[in-house]
Amino acid sequence: MTTKNWRAVMPKTAGISSSASQNSDTAQFVSIALFSGVGLLASLIVVLLRMHGVF
């Protein structure tokens, strides 16, 4: 009987904690994606400038 009650309560708690952790995961993903995008853009600029003999 206690297992049945535990299973009924578990999804509610998991839903609350997963939404909070999902927001945190989304924020981490956005920051990593922006950092990677800036790095790729900087690399592309360096490659293009080296092709034109600036560096």
N, C-alpha and C. Protein backbone atom coordinates (compact mmCIF):
# COMPACT_ATOMS: atom_id res chain seq x y z
N MET A 1 0.80 -1.19 0.00
CA MET A 1 0.00 0.00 0.00
C MET A 1 0.85 1.27 0.00
N THR A 2 1.93 1.27 0.74
CA THR A 2 2.76 2.47 0.77
C THR A 2 3.43 2.73 -0.57
N THR A 3 3.75 1.67 -1.31
CA THR A 3 4.36 1.87 -2.63
C THR A 3 3.37 2.52 -3.57
N LYS A 4 2.14 2.14 -3.49
CA LYS A 4 1.13 2.73 -4.35
C LYS A 4 0.99 4.23 -4.08
N ASN A 5 0.96 4.61 -2.80
CA ASN A 5 0.88 6.03 -2.45
C ASN A 5 2.12 6.78 -2.90
N TRP A 6 3.28 6.14 -2.75
CA TRP A 6 4.54 6.79 -3.15
C TRP A 6 4.56 7.05 -4.65
N ARG A 7 4.08 6.09 -5.43
CA ARG A 7 4.05 6.28 -6.89
C ARG A 7 3.07 7.38 -7.29
N ALA A 8 2.00 7.53 -6.55
CA ALA A 8 1.02 8.57 -6.86
C ALA A 8 1.58 9.96 -6.54
N VAL A 9 2.41 10.05 -5.52
CA VAL A 9 2.97 11.33 -5.13
C VAL A 9 4.19 11.68 -5.97
N MET A 10 4.95 10.71 -6.41
CA MET A 10 6.22 10.93 -7.09
C MET A 10 6.10 11.77 -8.36
N PRO A 11 5.16 11.52 -9.26
CA PRO A 11 5.11 12.35 -10.48
C PRO A 11 4.87 13.83 -10.19
N LYS A 12 4.11 14.14 -9.15
CA LYS A 12 3.85 15.55 -8.83
C LYS A 12 5.14 16.24 -8.40
N THR A 13 5.92 15.57 -7.55
CA THR A 13 7.18 16.17 -7.11
C THR A 13 8.17 16.21 -8.25
N ALA A 14 8.20 15.18 -9.06
CA ALA A 14 9.13 15.16 -10.19
C ALA A 14 8.78 16.26 -11.18
N GLY A 15 7.49 16.53 -11.36
CA GLY A 15 7.08 17.58 -12.27
C GLY A 15 7.53 18.95 -11.81
N ILE A 16 7.47 19.18 -10.52
CA ILE A 16 7.89 20.48 -9.98
C ILE A 16 9.39 20.65 -10.12
N SER A 17 10.15 19.61 -9.72
CA SER A 17 11.60 19.73 -9.77
C SER A 17 12.12 19.71 -11.20
N SER A 18 11.45 18.97 -12.08
CA SER A 18 11.94 18.92 -13.46
C SER A 18 11.71 20.25 -14.17
N SER A 19 10.63 20.96 -13.85
CA SER A 19 10.42 22.26 -14.50
C SER A 19 11.46 23.27 -14.03
N ALA A 20 11.82 23.20 -12.76
CA ALA A 20 12.85 24.11 -12.26
C ALA A 20 14.20 23.76 -12.85
N SER A 21 14.52 22.48 -12.93
CA SER A 21 15.81 22.08 -13.51
C SER A 21 15.80 22.28 -15.02
N GLN A 22 14.64 22.19 -15.64
CA GLN A 22 14.56 22.42 -17.09
C GLN A 22 14.87 23.88 -17.40
N ASN A 23 14.39 24.81 -16.58
CA ASN A 23 14.71 26.21 -16.78
C ASN A 23 16.19 26.45 -16.61
N SER A 24 16.78 25.78 -15.63
CA SER A 24 18.23 25.91 -15.39
C SER A 24 19.00 25.31 -16.57
N ASP A 25 18.54 24.15 -17.05
CA ASP A 25 19.20 23.52 -18.20
C ASP A 25 19.09 24.39 -19.44
N THR A 26 17.94 25.01 -19.64
CA THR A 26 17.76 25.89 -20.79
C THR A 26 18.68 27.09 -20.70
N ALA A 27 18.81 27.66 -19.52
CA ALA A 27 19.70 28.81 -19.34
C ALA A 27 21.15 28.41 -19.61
N GLN A 28 21.55 27.23 -19.14
CA GLN A 28 22.91 26.76 -19.38
C GLN A 28 23.13 26.52 -20.87
N PHE A 29 22.13 25.93 -21.53
CA PHE A 29 22.26 25.66 -22.96
C PHE A 29 22.39 26.96 -23.75
N VAL A 30 21.62 27.95 -23.39
CA VAL A 30 21.67 29.23 -24.10
C VAL A 30 23.03 29.88 -23.92
N SER A 31 23.56 29.85 -22.70
CA SER A 31 24.86 30.49 -22.47
C SER A 31 25.97 29.74 -23.21
N ILE A 32 25.92 28.43 -23.23
CA ILE A 32 26.93 27.65 -23.95
C ILE A 32 26.81 27.87 -25.45
N ALA A 33 25.57 27.93 -25.95
CA ALA A 33 25.36 28.15 -27.38
C ALA A 33 25.87 29.53 -27.80
N LEU A 34 25.62 30.55 -26.99
CA LEU A 34 26.11 31.89 -27.31
C LEU A 34 27.64 31.94 -27.28
N PHE A 35 28.23 31.32 -26.27
CA PHE A 35 29.69 31.30 -26.16
C PHE A 35 30.31 30.59 -27.36
N SER A 36 29.72 29.46 -27.75
CA SER A 36 30.24 28.71 -28.91
C SER A 36 30.05 29.50 -30.19
N GLY A 37 28.91 30.16 -30.32
CA GLY A 37 28.65 30.96 -31.52
C GLY A 37 29.63 32.11 -31.67
N VAL A 38 29.94 32.76 -30.56
CA VAL A 38 30.90 33.86 -30.61
C VAL A 38 32.29 33.33 -30.98
N GLY A 39 32.65 32.19 -30.42
CA GLY A 39 33.94 31.58 -30.75
C GLY A 39 34.04 31.19 -32.22
N LEU A 40 32.98 30.62 -32.75
CA LEU A 40 32.97 30.25 -34.17
C LEU A 40 33.04 31.48 -35.06
N LEU A 41 32.34 32.53 -34.69
CA LEU A 41 32.36 33.76 -35.47
C LEU A 41 33.76 34.38 -35.46
N ALA A 42 34.40 34.38 -34.30
CA ALA A 42 35.76 34.91 -34.21
C ALA A 42 36.72 34.08 -35.05
N SER A 43 36.57 32.76 -35.03
CA SER A 43 37.43 31.90 -35.84
C SER A 43 37.22 32.15 -37.32
N LEU A 44 35.97 32.32 -37.73
CA LEU A 44 35.68 32.59 -39.13
C LEU A 44 36.30 33.91 -39.57
N ILE A 45 36.22 34.92 -38.72
CA ILE A 45 36.80 36.22 -39.06
C ILE A 45 38.31 36.10 -39.22
N VAL A 46 38.96 35.36 -38.31
CA VAL A 46 40.41 35.17 -38.40
C VAL A 46 40.79 34.43 -39.67
N VAL A 47 40.04 33.40 -40.01
CA VAL A 47 40.33 32.64 -41.24
C VAL A 47 40.18 33.53 -42.46
N LEU A 48 39.11 34.31 -42.52
CA LEU A 48 38.90 35.20 -43.66
C LEU A 48 39.98 36.27 -43.76
N LEU A 49 40.38 36.82 -42.62
CA LEU A 49 41.42 37.84 -42.64
C LEU A 49 42.77 37.24 -43.05
N ARG A 50 43.04 36.01 -42.65
CA ARG A 50 44.30 35.37 -43.07
C ARG A 50 44.31 35.09 -44.56
N MET A 51 43.14 34.78 -45.11
CA MET A 51 43.06 34.55 -46.56
C MET A 51 43.40 35.82 -47.32
N HIS A 52 43.07 36.97 -46.78
CA HIS A 52 43.34 38.23 -47.43
C HIS A 52 44.69 38.83 -47.04
N GLY A 53 45.44 38.08 -46.24
CA GLY A 53 46.78 38.50 -45.89
C GLY A 53 46.89 39.54 -44.81
N VAL A 54 45.86 39.72 -44.01
CA VAL A 54 45.92 40.71 -42.94
C VAL A 54 46.78 40.21 -41.79
N PHE A 55 46.65 38.93 -41.44
CA PHE A 55 47.45 38.35 -40.36
C PHE A 55 48.65 37.63 -40.91
